[in-house]
C-alpha atoms as a PDB file:
ATOM      1  CA  MET A   1      15.607  33.278 -19.896  1.00  0.00           C
ATOM      2  CA  GLY A   2      12.159  34.330 -18.847  1.00  0.00           C
ATOM      3  CA  LEU A   3       9.951  36.807 -17.051  1.00  0.00           C
ATOM      4  CA  CYS A   4       6.845  37.013 -14.898  1.00  0.00           C
ATOM      5  CA  THR A   5       4.436  39.892 -14.274  1.00  0.00           C
ATOM      6  CA  VAL A   6       2.727  40.137 -10.895  1.00  0.00           C
ATOM      7  CA  CYS A   7      -0.368  42.323 -10.370  1.00  0.00           C
ATOM      8  CA  ILE A   8      -0.801  43.739  -6.895  1.00  0.00           C
ATOM      9  CA  ASP A   9      -4.560  44.005  -6.213  1.00  0.00           C
ATOM     10  CA  PRO A  10      -5.816  46.095  -3.268  1.00  0.00           C
ATOM     11  CA  VAL A  11      -8.371  44.329  -1.051  1.00  0.00           C
ATOM     12  CA  PRO A  12      -9.439  47.064   1.354  1.00  0.00           C
ATOM     13  CA  PRO A  13      -9.526  47.056   4.301  1.00  0.00           C
ATOM     14  CA  PHE A  14      -7.513  43.823   4.469  1.00  0.00           C
ATOM     15  CA  GLY A  15      -4.383  44.805   2.477  1.00  0.00           C
ATOM     16  CA  SER A  16      -3.218  43.681  -0.953  1.00  0.00           C
ATOM     17  CA  ARG A  17      -2.834  40.386  -2.768  1.00  0.00           C
ATOM     18  CA  GLY A  18      -0.569  39.250  -5.575  1.00  0.00           C
ATOM     19  CA  ASP A  19      -1.938  37.657  -8.791  1.00  0.00           C
ATOM     20  CA  SER A  20      -0.419  36.652 -12.064  1.00  0.00           C
ATOM     21  CA  ILE A  21      -2.241  38.135 -15.024  1.00  0.00           C
ATOM     22  CA  PRO A  22      -5.520  36.138 -15.005  1.00  0.00           C
ATOM     23  CA  VAL A  23      -5.362  34.877 -18.579  1.00  0.00           C
ATOM     24  CA  HIS A  24      -3.806  31.476 -18.682  1.00  0.00           C
ATOM     25  CA  HIS A  25      -1.429  31.761 -21.629  1.00  0.00           C
ATOM     26  CA  PHE A  26      -0.222  35.182 -20.530  1.00  0.00           C
ATOM     27  CA  SER A  27       0.094  34.415 -16.855  1.00  0.00           C
ATOM     28  CA  GLY A  28       2.746  32.924 -14.646  1.00  0.00           C
ATOM     29  CA  PRO A  29       6.362  32.796 -15.845  1.00  0.00           C
ATOM     30  CA  ILE A  30       7.016  32.941 -19.599  1.00  0.00           C
ATOM     31  CA  PHE A  31      10.251  31.331 -20.773  1.00  0.00           C
ATOM     32  CA  LYS A  32      12.197  30.921 -23.983  1.00  0.00           C
ATOM     33  CA  GLN A  33      10.762  28.104 -26.056  1.00  0.00           C
ATOM     34  CA  ALA A  34      14.086  26.318 -26.599  1.00  0.00           C
ATOM     35  CA  LEU A  35      14.647  25.457 -22.913  1.00  0.00           C
ATOM     36  CA  ASP A  36      14.851  21.757 -22.026  1.00  0.00           C
ATOM     37  CA  LEU A  37      12.527  20.486 -19.314  1.00  0.00           C
ATOM     38  CA  GLN A  38      15.114  20.368 -16.479  1.00  0.00           C
ATOM     39  CA  THR A  39      16.302  23.921 -17.210  1.00  0.00           C
ATOM     40  CA  LYS A  40      12.704  25.121 -17.295  1.00  0.00           C
ATOM     41  CA  LYS A  41      11.949  23.426 -13.937  1.00  0.00           C
ATOM     42  CA  THR A  42      14.971  25.121 -12.382  1.00  0.00           C
ATOM     43  CA  ALA A  43      13.986  28.466 -13.881  1.00  0.00           C
ATOM     44  CA  TYR A  44      10.416  28.192 -12.522  1.00  0.00           C
ATOM     45  CA  SER A  45      11.753  27.434  -9.067  1.00  0.00           C
ATOM     46  CA  GLN A  46      14.278  30.265  -9.019  1.00  0.00           C
ATOM     47  CA  LEU A  47      11.954  32.907 -10.412  1.00  0.00           C
ATOM     48  CA  LEU A  48       9.042  32.078  -8.142  1.00  0.00           C
ATOM     49  CA  LYS A  49      11.283  31.970  -5.079  1.00  0.00           C
ATOM     50  CA  ALA A  50      12.597  35.443  -5.980  1.00  0.00           C
ATOM     51  CA  ILE A  51       8.993  36.748  -6.321  1.00  0.00           C
ATOM     52  CA  ASP A  52       8.145  35.020  -3.017  1.00  0.00           C
ATOM     53  CA  GLY A  53      10.869  37.035  -1.222  1.00  0.00           C
ATOM     54  CA  GLU A  54       9.643  40.308  -2.737  1.00  0.00           C
ATOM     55  CA  LEU A  55       6.055  39.678  -1.727  1.00  0.00           C
ATOM     56  CA  LYS A  56       7.043  38.820   1.817  1.00  0.00           C
ATOM     57  CA  ARG A  57       8.938  42.100   1.997  1.00  0.00           C
ATOM     58  CA  ARG A  58       5.813  43.943   0.907  1.00  0.00           C
ATOM     59  CA  ALA A  59       3.580  42.104   3.444  1.00  0.00           C
ATOM     60  CA  ILE A  60       1.213  40.842   0.751  1.00  0.00           C
ATOM     61  CA  LEU A  61      -1.773  38.717   1.864  1.00  0.00           C
ATOM     62  CA  ASP A  62      -1.324  35.869  -0.672  1.00  0.00           C
ATOM     63  CA  MET A  63      -0.153  35.100  -4.179  1.00  0.00           C
ATOM     64  CA  THR A  64      -1.692  33.030  -7.018  1.00  0.00           C
ATOM     65  CA  PHE A  65       0.105  31.907 -10.222  1.00  0.00           C
ATOM     66  CA  ARG A  66      -1.788  30.326 -13.149  1.00  0.00           C
ATOM     67  CA  ILE A  67       0.522  28.293 -15.353  1.00  0.00           C
ATOM     68  CA  TRP A  68      -0.458  26.851 -18.741  1.00  0.00           C
ATOM     69  CA  ASP A  69       2.407  24.763 -20.090  1.00  0.00           C
ATOM     70  CA  PRO A  70       1.712  21.391 -21.742  1.00  0.00           C
ATOM     71  CA  SER A  71       5.325  20.267 -21.092  1.00  0.00           C
ATOM     72  CA  LEU A  72       4.796  20.342 -17.276  1.00  0.00           C
ATOM     73  CA  ASP A  73       3.242  17.981 -14.783  1.00  0.00           C
ATOM     74  CA  ARG A  74       2.773  17.979 -11.022  1.00  0.00           C
ATOM     75  CA  THR A  75       6.323  16.741 -10.327  1.00  0.00           C
ATOM     76  CA  CYS A  76       7.691  19.993 -11.783  1.00  0.00           C
ATOM     77  CA  PHE A  77       6.289  21.876  -8.800  1.00  0.00           C
ATOM     78  CA  GLU A  78       7.395  19.592  -5.930  1.00  0.00           C
ATOM     79  CA  SER A  79      10.162  21.952  -4.715  1.00  0.00           C
ATOM     80  CA  LEU A  80       7.668  24.828  -4.588  1.00  0.00           C
ATOM     81  CA  MET A  81       5.157  22.720  -2.696  1.00  0.00           C
ATOM     82  CA  ASP A  82       7.916  21.971  -0.171  1.00  0.00           C
ATOM     83  CA  SER A  83       8.354  25.761   0.186  1.00  0.00           C
ATOM     84  CA  GLY A  84       4.772  26.356   1.246  1.00  0.00           C
ATOM     85  CA  TYR A  85       2.753  26.569  -2.013  1.00  0.00           C
ATOM     86  CA  ASP A  86      -0.517  24.759  -2.518  1.00  0.00           C
ATOM     87  CA  LEU A  87      -1.025  23.249  -5.947  1.00  0.00           C
ATOM     88  CA  GLN A  88      -4.372  22.782  -7.757  1.00  0.00           C
ATOM     89  CA  GLU A  89      -4.903  21.290 -11.191  1.00  0.00           C
ATOM     90  CA  ARG A  90      -7.731  22.820 -13.142  1.00  0.00           C
ATOM     91  CA  ALA A  91      -8.748  22.754 -16.781  1.00  0.00           C
ATOM     92  CA  SER A  92      -9.332  25.151 -19.648  1.00  0.00           C
ATOM     93  CA  TRP A  93     -11.235  24.064 -22.724  1.00  0.00           C
ATOM     94  CA  ILE A  94      -9.114  24.270 -25.869  1.00  0.00           C
ATOM     95  CA  PHE A  95     -10.430  24.226 -29.421  1.00  0.00           C
ATOM     96  CA  ASN A  96      -8.139  23.230 -32.264  1.00  0.00           C
ATOM     97  CA  VAL A  97      -9.187  25.305 -35.287  1.00  0.00           C
ATOM     98  CA  GLN A  98      -9.617  23.636 -38.632  1.00  0.00           C
ATOM     99  CA  GLU A  99      -7.566  25.170 -41.469  1.00  0.00           C
ATOM    100  CA  ASP A 100     -10.569  24.879 -43.778  1.00  0.00           C
ATOM    101  CA  GLU A 101     -13.304  27.208 -42.518  1.00  0.00           C
ATOM    102  CA  SER A 102     -15.949  25.170 -44.393  1.00  0.00           C
ATOM    103  CA  GLN A 103     -15.201  22.158 -42.139  1.00  0.00           C
ATOM    104  CA  LEU A 104     -15.836  23.965 -38.860  1.00  0.00           C
ATOM    105  CA  MET A 105     -19.505  23.012 -38.522  1.00  0.00           C
ATOM    106  CA  LYS A 106     -18.481  19.345 -38.573  1.00  0.00           C
ATOM    107  CA  THR A 107     -16.475  19.819 -35.378  1.00  0.00           C
ATOM    108  CA  TYR A 108     -19.591  20.927 -33.444  1.00  0.00           C
ATOM    109  CA  THR A 109     -22.187  18.568 -31.994  1.00  0.00           C
ATOM    110  CA  LYS A 110     -25.572  18.398 -33.737  1.00  0.00           C
ATOM    111  CA  HIS A 111     -27.076  20.332 -30.812  1.00  0.00           C
ATOM    112  CA  PHE A 112     -24.621  23.209 -31.231  1.00  0.00           C
ATOM    113  CA  ARG A 113     -25.063  23.317 -35.009  1.00  0.00           C
ATOM    114  CA  ASN A 114     -28.860  23.488 -34.625  1.00  0.00           C
ATOM    115  CA  GLN A 115     -28.590  26.355 -32.198  1.00  0.00           C
ATOM    116  CA  VAL A 116     -26.347  28.290 -34.534  1.00  0.00           C
ATOM    117  CA  ARG A 117     -28.914  27.826 -37.298  1.00  0.00           C
ATOM    118  CA  GLN A 118     -31.750  28.821 -34.949  1.00  0.00           C
ATOM    119  CA  GLY A 119     -30.036  32.085 -34.100  1.00  0.00           C
ATOM    120  CA  GLU A 120     -29.431  32.880 -37.747  1.00  0.00           C
ATOM    121  CA  LYS A 121     -33.032  32.088 -38.768  1.00  0.00           C
ATOM    122  CA  ARG A 122     -34.360  34.261 -35.930  1.00  0.00           C
ATOM    123  CA  GLY A 123     -32.457  37.231 -37.329  1.00  0.00           C
ATOM    124  CA  ALA A 124     -29.525  37.588 -34.930  1.00  0.00           C
ATOM    125  CA  VAL A 125     -26.282  38.805 -36.460  1.00  0.00           C
ATOM    126  CA  VAL A 126     -22.676  39.080 -35.233  1.00  0.00           C
ATOM    127  CA  GLU A 127     -20.600  42.189 -35.805  1.00  0.00           C
ATOM    128  CA  VAL A 128     -16.825  42.183 -35.274  1.00  0.00           C
ATOM    129  CA  ASN A 129     -14.920  45.265 -33.937  1.00  0.00           C
ATOM    130  CA  ALA A 130     -17.891  47.546 -34.493  1.00  0.00           C
ATOM    131  CA  PRO A 131     -18.016  50.732 -32.369  1.00  0.00           C
ATOM    132  CA  VAL A 132     -19.888  50.436 -29.054  1.00  0.00           C
ATOM    133  CA  GLY A 133     -19.913  52.282 -25.745  1.00  0.00           C
ATOM    134  CA  VAL A 134     -17.982  50.632 -22.906  1.00  0.00           C
ATOM    135  CA  GLU A 135     -20.769  51.699 -20.498  1.00  0.00           C
ATOM    136  CA  GLN A 136     -23.274  49.571 -22.424  1.00  0.00           C
ATOM    137  CA  LEU A 137     -20.946  46.544 -22.460  1.00  0.00           C
ATOM    138  CA  TYR A 138     -20.064  46.876 -18.815  1.00  0.00           C
ATOM    139  CA  ALA A 139     -23.709  47.142 -17.753  1.00  0.00           C
ATOM    140  CA  LEU A 140     -24.377  43.849 -19.582  1.00  0.00           C
ATOM    141  CA  HIS A 141     -21.301  42.298 -17.965  1.00  0.00           C
ATOM    142  CA  GLU A 142     -22.477  43.338 -14.522  1.00  0.00           C
ATOM    143  CA  MET A 143     -25.899  41.815 -15.212  1.00  0.00           C
ATOM    144  CA  THR A 144     -24.255  38.521 -16.200  1.00  0.00           C
ATOM    145  CA  MET A 145     -22.124  38.476 -13.038  1.00  0.00           C
ATOM    146  CA  VAL A 146     -25.112  39.214 -10.791  1.00  0.00           C
ATOM    147  CA  HIS A 147     -26.921  36.246 -12.390  1.00  0.00           C
ATOM    148  CA  GLY A 148     -23.961  34.111 -11.492  1.00  0.00           C
ATOM    149  CA  HIS A 149     -23.936  35.439  -7.904  1.00  0.00           C
ATOM    150  CA  THR A 150     -20.507  37.083  -8.152  1.00  0.00           C
ATOM    151  CA  ARG A 151     -18.901  40.368  -9.022  1.00  0.00           C
ATOM    152  CA  PRO A 152     -16.980  41.558 -12.101  1.00  0.00           C
ATOM    153  CA  ARG A 153     -13.287  40.780 -11.822  1.00  0.00           C
ATOM    154  CA  TYR A 154     -12.351  43.873 -13.876  1.00  0.00           C
ATOM    155  CA  SER A 155     -13.376  47.465 -13.512  1.00  0.00           C
ATOM    156  CA  MET A 156     -14.941  49.408 -16.303  1.00  0.00           C
ATOM    157  CA  ASP A 157     -11.683  51.369 -16.766  1.00  0.00           C
ATOM    158  CA  GLU A 158      -9.774  48.059 -17.198  1.00  0.00           C
ATOM    159  CA  VAL A 159     -12.289  46.815 -19.770  1.00  0.00           C
ATOM    160  CA  ALA A 160     -12.105  50.165 -21.609  1.00  0.00           C
ATOM    161  CA  TYR A 161      -8.286  49.882 -21.648  1.00  0.00           C
ATOM    162  CA  VAL A 162      -8.411  46.493 -23.376  1.00  0.00           C
ATOM    163  CA  LEU A 163     -11.055  47.653 -25.841  1.00  0.00           C
ATOM    164  CA  ASN A 164      -8.677  50.395 -26.960  1.00  0.00           C
ATOM    165  CA  TRP A 165      -6.111  47.812 -28.103  1.00  0.00           C
ATOM    166  CA  GLY A 166      -5.709  47.370 -31.821  1.00  0.00           C
ATOM    167  CA  THR A 167      -7.187  44.380 -33.680  1.00  0.00           C
ATOM    168  CA  GLN A 168      -3.735  42.769 -33.803  1.00  0.00           C
ATOM    169  CA  LEU A 169      -4.184  42.028 -30.083  1.00  0.00           C
ATOM    170  CA  LYS A 170      -7.944  41.784 -29.515  1.00  0.00           C
ATOM    171  CA  ASP A 171     -11.269  41.298 -31.227  1.00  0.00           C
ATOM    172  CA  LEU A 172     -14.728  42.361 -30.055  1.00  0.00           C
ATOM    173  CA  TYR A 173     -17.768  40.312 -31.106  1.00  0.00           C
ATOM    174  CA  LEU A 174     -21.205  41.853 -30.752  1.00  0.00           C
ATOM    175  CA  CYS A 175     -24.418  39.831 -31.233  1.00  0.00           C
ATOM    176  CA  LYS A 176     -27.440  41.983 -32.103  1.00  0.00           C
ATOM    177  CA  HIS A 177     -31.073  41.584 -33.138  1.00  0.00           C
ATOM    178  CA  GLU A 178     -32.719  44.558 -34.838  1.00  0.00           C
ATOM    179  CA  GLY A 179     -30.074  46.858 -33.306  1.00  0.00           C
ATOM    180  CA  GLU A 180     -30.499  45.495 -29.740  1.00  0.00           C
ATOM    181  CA  LEU A 181     -27.289  44.228 -28.066  1.00  0.00           C
ATOM    182  CA  LEU A 182     -27.777  40.606 -26.978  1.00  0.00           C
ATOM    183  CA  GLY A 183     -24.234  39.673 -25.935  1.00  0.00           C
ATOM    184  CA  PHE A 184     -20.558  40.249 -26.558  1.00  0.00           C
ATOM    185  CA  LEU A 185     -17.185  38.477 -26.490  1.00  0.00           C
ATOM    186  CA  VAL A 186     -13.773  40.044 -26.044  1.00  0.00           C
ATOM    187  CA  THR A 187     -10.903  37.855 -27.244  1.00  0.00           C
ATOM    188  CA  LEU A 188      -7.148  38.351 -26.894  1.00  0.00           C
ATOM    189  CA  LYS A 189      -4.775  37.196 -29.650  1.00  0.00           C
ATOM    190  CA  PHE A 190      -1.136  36.179 -29.413  1.00  0.00           C
ATOM    191  CA  ASN A 191       1.164  33.957 -31.452  1.00  0.00           C
ATOM    192  CA  LYS A 192      -1.529  32.037 -33.456  1.00  0.00           C
ATOM    193  CA  MET A 193      -3.649  31.694 -30.326  1.00  0.00           C
ATOM    194  CA  THR A 194      -6.900  33.340 -29.241  1.00  0.00           C
ATOM    195  CA  ILE A 195      -8.303  33.493 -25.754  1.00  0.00           C
ATOM    196  CA  VAL A 196     -11.862  34.332 -24.715  1.00  0.00           C
ATOM    197  CA  TRP A 197     -11.180  36.988 -22.093  1.00  0.00           C
ATOM    198  CA  LEU A 198     -14.650  38.331 -21.335  1.00  0.00           C
ATOM    199  CA  ALA A 199     -18.112  37.024 -22.359  1.00  0.00           C
ATOM    200  CA  SER A 200     -21.607  38.219 -21.412  1.00  0.00           C
ATOM    201  CA  MET A 201     -25.133  37.905 -22.718  1.00  0.00           C
ATOM    202  CA  ASP A 202     -28.614  39.194 -21.875  1.00  0.00           C
ATOM    203  CA  ARG A 203     -30.473  36.051 -20.812  1.00  0.00           C
ATOM    204  CA  ARG A 204     -33.779  37.601 -21.861  1.00  0.00           C
ATOM    205  CA  TYR A 205     -32.710  37.005 -25.448  1.00  0.00           C
ATOM    206  CA  ALA A 206     -31.430  33.436 -25.067  1.00  0.00           C
ATOM    207  CA  GLU A 207     -33.748  32.287 -27.860  1.00  0.00           C
ATOM    208  CA  PHE A 208     -31.493  34.134 -30.368  1.00  0.00           C
ATOM    209  CA  ARG A 209     -28.513  31.916 -29.283  1.00  0.00           C
ATOM    210  CA  PRO A 210     -26.046  34.797 -28.974  1.00  0.00           C
ATOM    211  CA  MET A 211     -23.266  32.697 -27.413  1.00  0.00           C
ATOM    212  CA  ASN A 212     -23.514  30.018 -30.122  1.00  0.00           C
ATOM    213  CA  LEU A 213     -23.409  32.613 -32.880  1.00  0.00           C
ATOM    214  CA  MET A 214     -20.492  34.551 -31.391  1.00  0.00           C
ATOM    215  CA  HIS A 215     -18.382  31.485 -30.771  1.00  0.00           C
ATOM    216  CA  HIS A 216     -19.115  30.201 -34.278  1.00  0.00           C
ATOM    217  CA  GLU A 217     -17.976  33.540 -35.757  1.00  0.00           C
ATOM    218  CA  LEU A 218     -14.906  33.417 -33.486  1.00  0.00           C
ATOM    219  CA  MET A 219     -13.922  30.057 -34.921  1.00  0.00           C
ATOM    220  CA  ARG A 220     -14.564  31.224 -38.474  1.00  0.00           C
ATOM    221  CA  ARG A 221     -12.462  34.351 -38.010  1.00  0.00           C
ATOM    222  CA  SER A 222      -9.689  32.336 -36.268  1.00  0.00           C
ATOM    223  CA  ALA A 223      -9.534  30.021 -39.290  1.00  0.00           C
ATOM    224  CA  ARG A 224      -9.227  32.962 -41.700  1.00  0.00           C
ATOM    225  CA  GLN A 225      -6.448  34.485 -39.554  1.00  0.00           C
ATOM    226  CA  ALA A 226      -4.462  31.207 -39.389  1.00  0.00           C
ATOM    227  CA  ILE A 227      -5.044  30.956 -35.665  1.00  0.00           C
ATOM    228  CA  ARG A 228      -4.832  27.329 -34.665  1.00  0.00           C
ATOM    229  CA  THR A 229      -5.753  27.372 -30.930  1.00  0.00           C
ATOM    230  CA  VAL A 230      -8.722  28.986 -29.162  1.00  0.00           C
ATOM    231  CA  ASP A 231      -8.803  28.862 -25.352  1.00  0.00           C
ATOM    232  CA  ILE A 232     -12.486  29.135 -24.332  1.00  0.00           C
ATOM    233  CA  GLY A 233     -11.703  29.109 -20.623  1.00  0.00           C
ATOM    234  CA  GLY A 234     -12.749  26.939 -17.683  1.00  0.00           C
ATOM    235  CA  GLY A 235     -15.923  25.013 -17.034  1.00  0.00           C
ATOM    236  CA  VAL A 236     -17.416  27.269 -14.409  1.00  0.00           C
ATOM    237  CA  THR A 237     -20.686  25.266 -14.244  1.00  0.00           C
ATOM    238  CA  GLU A 238     -21.890  21.990 -15.690  1.00  0.00           C
ATOM    239  CA  GLY A 239     -23.918  23.877 -18.305  1.00  0.00           C
ATOM    240  CA  VAL A 240     -20.885  25.916 -19.366  1.00  0.00           C
ATOM    241  CA  THR A 241     -18.773  22.758 -19.653  1.00  0.00           C
ATOM    242  CA  HIS A 242     -21.403  21.098 -21.849  1.00  0.00           C
ATOM    243  CA  PHE A 243     -21.544  24.200 -24.067  1.00  0.00           C
ATOM    244  CA  LYS A 244     -17.762  24.133 -24.630  1.00  0.00           C
ATOM    245  CA  GLU A 245     -17.693  20.450 -25.242  1.00  0.00           C
ATOM    246  CA  ASP A 246     -20.522  20.916 -27.794  1.00  0.00           C
ATOM    247  CA  ILE A 247     -18.185  23.219 -29.753  1.00  0.00           C
ATOM    248  CA  GLY A 248     -15.624  20.452 -29.814  1.00  0.00           C
ATOM    249  CA  ALA A 249     -13.161  21.890 -27.231  1.00  0.00           C
ATOM    250  CA  LYS A 250     -11.133  19.569 -25.031  1.00  0.00           C
ATOM    251  CA  PRO A 251      -9.959  20.163 -21.441  1.00  0.00           C
ATOM    252  CA  MET A 252      -6.271  20.905 -20.934  1.00  0.00           C
ATOM    253  CA  PRO A 253      -4.688  21.078 -17.461  1.00  0.00           C
ATOM    254  CA  ILE A 254      -3.748  24.376 -15.872  1.00  0.00           C
ATOM    255  CA  PHE A 255      -1.685  24.465 -12.698  1.00  0.00           C
ATOM    256  CA  VAL A 256      -2.638  27.036 -10.032  1.00  0.00           C
ATOM    257  CA  LEU A 257      -0.026  27.705  -7.374  1.00  0.00           C
ATOM    258  CA  HIS A 258      -1.184  29.572  -4.268  1.00  0.00           C
ATOM    259  CA  ARG A 259       0.658  30.735  -1.180  1.00  0.00           C
ATOM    260  CA  ALA A 260      -0.768  32.601   1.800  1.00  0.00           C
ATOM    261  CA  TYR A 261       1.507  34.917   3.779  1.00  0.00           C
ATOM    262  CA  ARG A 262      -1.029  35.633   6.495  1.00  0.00           C
ATOM    263  CA  ASN A 263      -3.360  33.442   8.525  1.00  0.00           C
ATOM    264  CA  ASN A 264      -5.354  31.274   6.113  1.00  0.00           C
ATOM    265  CA  LEU A 265      -8.720  32.242   7.566  1.00  0.00           C
ATOM    266  CA  TYR A 266      -7.873  35.917   7.247  1.00  0.00           C
ATOM    267  CA  VAL A 267      -6.793  35.472   3.604  1.00  0.00           C
ATOM    268  CA  MET A 268      -9.959  33.402   2.816  1.00  0.00           C
ATOM    269  CA  LEU A 269     -12.218  36.136   4.246  1.00  0.00           C
ATOM    270  CA  ALA A 270     -10.313  38.857   2.325  1.00  0.00           C
ATOM    271  CA  ASN A 271     -10.737  36.984  -0.956  1.00  0.00           C
ATOM    272  CA  ALA A 272     -14.383  36.321  -0.198  1.00  0.00           C
ATOM    273  CA  TRP A 273     -14.912  40.040   0.394  1.00  0.00           C
ATOM    274  CA  ALA A 274     -13.182  40.804  -2.892  1.00  0.00           C
ATOM    275  CA  PHE A 275     -14.898  38.303  -5.105  1.00  0.00           C
ATOM    276  CA  GLY A 276     -18.474  38.201  -3.807  1.00  0.00           C
ATOM    277  CA  PRO A 277     -21.182  35.929  -2.456  1.00  0.00           C
ATOM    278  CA  THR A 278     -20.214  32.823  -4.441  1.00  0.00           C
ATOM    279  CA  THR A 279     -16.731  32.930  -2.883  1.00  0.00           C
ATOM    280  CA  ILE A 280     -18.199  33.575   0.584  1.00  0.00           C
ATOM    281  CA  ARG A 281     -20.321  30.399   0.314  1.00  0.00           C
ATOM    282  CA  ALA A 282     -17.200  28.398  -0.729  1.00  0.00           C
ATOM    283  CA  VAL A 283     -15.287  29.804   2.255  1.00  0.00           C
ATOM    284  CA  TRP A 284     -17.960  28.789   4.733  1.00  0.00           C
ATOM    285  CA  LYS A 285     -18.213  25.336   3.094  1.00  0.00           C
ATOM    286  CA  ARG A 286     -14.450  24.857   3.472  1.00  0.00           C
ATOM    287  CA  LEU A 287     -14.622  26.060   7.097  1.00  0.00           C
ATOM    288  CA  ALA A 288     -17.471  23.636   7.837  1.00  0.00           C
ATOM    289  CA  THR A 289     -15.522  20.766   6.240  1.00  0.00           C
ATOM    290  CA  GLY A 290     -12.504  21.624   8.335  1.00  0.00           C
ATOM    291  CA  MET A 291     -14.492  21.773  11.565  1.00  0.00           C
ATOM    292  CA  ASN A 292     -16.210  18.462  10.837  1.00  0.00           C
ATOM    293  CA  SER A 293     -12.895  16.733  10.144  1.00  0.00           C
END
């Protein structure tokens, strides 16, 4: 009927936490496509309750599921909310790829098209699946995360593992100018769908528009490979949201189910410790809001 993979992430010295694979289309339970809605709702409930029992037995701190399924709405998760899960509705920006590659530019806003042309005129180029050292990519990724006041979610070994996948499962886009690496994208591919998994750029070279050029090449390559859906990810900041909307992507809801098995404050502090200063500020903001109310 279906399956679900749960990653157990250590958060020393607090313990461990459970997490579904943090890529929306590959995370949470995956079920046979032919299931009717009522059967699917029952299957979600039964599978997550079984996982819940296993995580309690292991004394896990908390668990998060990310579920991307256009057939579902909030009512599908009511029984789980009654069982102690919190439900949040977020969004990921989805781009529907044109079959005709020559029509892609028309889906972008004028601003995005102009930036693509600027990057090309200034001599930036995009290479796909060219050899590159993981140390160089990871250093650039760490620089990007520091700029955003957070930490990388994946270790260098985890990134290296994905980069070793074949091109049937992933693509690597490198933006360069005169041999200098300006930015990169790692995308995952599955069933006529592509997901932007990791993206970083050196902000010193923003004038070459590396993100515009790499996303444009991603859409062109997707059209050639008969990929019809590209998930560009969530709108982390207002600027990121505008960028994705300039491409022509539209928000689609993603349901995030969370359950804490320990004291909520303890779990919040453990997660803040794991994910860096941005999360710590969010924790203190929530604490302040709670005290004021």
